[in-house]
């Protein structure tokens, strides 16, 4: 892990460079390291008390559009700064930002204090949230008379519901829906989850879900009916249609399906759900599973009509849009609370309750491979990490009709329903139970406890805990609190490791401190006012933080330290029994401690007044500040260097043994390389012979291609016409000519035979009986005609033979 943190003064900028995403003239742009940007100067420093941190979540005044634009909210001027950034330039550990920054000013002044900003998926709108107001700023506006200033349209959201004068409803959590650019989800203190659509009506919600985890009056614990946080699901199966809701007592509930109207989804994922419902639901022997799967199939077909018409070209779709639909006689059930999956342990046992005692304060959903990870942060600084042991499936409560609002074209414009938690008999969940035995039975998925992590936070700062996933390494989760930033890395994923065939032992998560905001032994931490995790397409990731004194922090996060720790653990496991025994006798349990591998902790400089930034080193204030800086430097980096020196000296014999083993392995590998070289010569000879045979075959092929019978040229137009005439003549006229020639030949033979057989007197009598006497001149003339006819017949026969031979030759050439 490497980090970069510089003081605001003494900054040096590189040569000016053009920015492709800014309308500022190229000659006026300058590129600074992000932590040295003029925006983060002492002149614009905001006092630490200017931001109200009394909420349930840490404030976050930074946002990133996922590409090259960074947004920062200015508490003093109440405007939004847009920075064009370059990740990994000029070296992989740094980030460059263009100056001057674009200033996005709200069209109507923001009258409340902003504590959180969040950008939608396509980067067109920014959410501005506070305890006394909520609005959305559209980032593409009109230019202002002021330089580098853009006036943006700003609309208020839900003012009639949450921010009336006599209204005591508080917003607990708000975030953008991951599958829509215009839908926002809001969880409020009145136990109602609402979805707003910015493209239709920003004053009234599109969907309302009234949460009723228990029957009124049946629970004596008030925390059981107080929601705290929520999160949308990820891409995995029915998770994309799920909303996870956390209550103050630590119980987690699920409502599924919840789909914003006109949201976009991948066609392949929808088709997978549709086929799964047909395969495992309709073919089940349980009538309840068949009923639940039928409702899910009807809901999918009505929400995504392409499923019904998929034979008519639906297979070519990539993205489908959700249509407004709800069941008229059923409401979505509140599935839960989710219980841990234990072998032979009931719900009321001590193992099931766990060891967490504080109230739940925040919730985080994370999808890692095929595992759905749920993290619950509690007020005592403990984190509860669980994985879903089964798939989420939609469940409805029959007989509870929702309230609907229709448009003038009879389409659903809004829906409201009561989500009740159905009470089921307590069951014992076993670890060897197959997932198909509980499919589509309407039971909430059980939880598999992974770990309970204690961050050991101070009491006064443990209640504000935020969590965010690493965009590059999903197994790592960053926890943001008043004392700094910690990272938690999961080394065991039950379902992902099982599907990949890895037989790895269960390992506890590793917890490392990334950043500390408690200088020295100070008991008053300085919380962060902004936090982001950035990544690029080259596999690099960074952490960007904003302090209460308006300083920027840039830390590069790499995965080599995590992988290196695993490599050392595997080396220790592969040691022989003798080496392990000798290592234990000498007291060397590890080659190099994980604390040294993680590097020194990044400690923030203590906050100072703006007038102390310009003091000289010879003054009393300057000497005091330098002494404090030197003390922090000595406590962290000098002591870390001493630890490294001591560890290297202490582990020198063991490291020498490891190096000797590596040298022996290197010698063996060199011998194997020599064997490969000897085999390579034989392979080269075989390759040469194969090349020669190939060349001879190529020559034979070329000679065969040069044969006259194979060189066929296309027929010309005249040749094609002649061929057509020959085909017609062959099919019709030739047969008729053959038949006529044969008939004439037969008649000629009969007539000649009759002339030779009869005497002249008989021929004369026969002619006289016929009444027409034929003179001798006529007979001679007939003979001459017969001779001519025979000659014509012989000539026609020769012509026919010539035509047939020509046709046969043409057929052979074709």
Foldseek 3Di string as FASTA:
>chain_A
DFWDADDQPPFDFDDQAADPPDPPDSVPKTKGWPLNDPLLHLVLFDFLPLDDPPALAAFAQWEDQQDFWIWGARQPVRWIWIWGKDAQPPHNQTMMTMPPTAIEAELDGDPDGFRYWYAFNNRQKIWTDDFQFTKIWGRDADDDPDPRYGYTYMDGAQCVPRHDPPDDKTWQDKDAQNQDRFWMWTQIFQQKIFIQGNVPDRHDTQEIEREDADPPPPDPDPQVRGWHEKDQADLPAQSNQWIWTATFQGFIWIWPGHDDAFGKDFPVSLVVNLVVLVPLQCPDPDPLSVVLSVVVNVQSCQQFVCVVVVVVPVVVDTMTTTHDDDDQFKDWATADRAWAADAPDWCPDPVGSDDDDFTWRYWDWFDDAPWIWIWTAGLQQKIWIKTFPADDGTDIDGRFGWDFDADPVRGTRHIYGYHYYDDDDIDHHRPPDDRSVCRSNPHGTHIHTQDMDHPPDDNVKSSHWDKDAAPLQRQWIWIFIQFAIKIKGAPDDPPNCVVVVHPDDRDHIDMDGAAGQQQDPRPRGWGWSHWDWHDDPVRWIWIWTATSRSRIIIGTDHCPLVVVVVVQVVVLVPDDPVVCVVCVVLPNPGLDDSVLSVPWHHYDQDDDRSVLVPDDCPDPSNVVSVVSVVVSCCVTPVVSVVVVVVSCVSNVVVVVVVVVVVVVVVVVVVVVVVVVVVVVVVVVVVVVVVVVVVVVVVVVVVVVCPDPLNDDDDDDPVVVVVVVVLVVCVVPVLVVLVVVLVVLVVVLVVVVVVVVPDDPVVVQVVCVVVPHGDDPVNVVVVVVVSVVVVVVSVVVVVVSVVSVVVVVVVVSSD
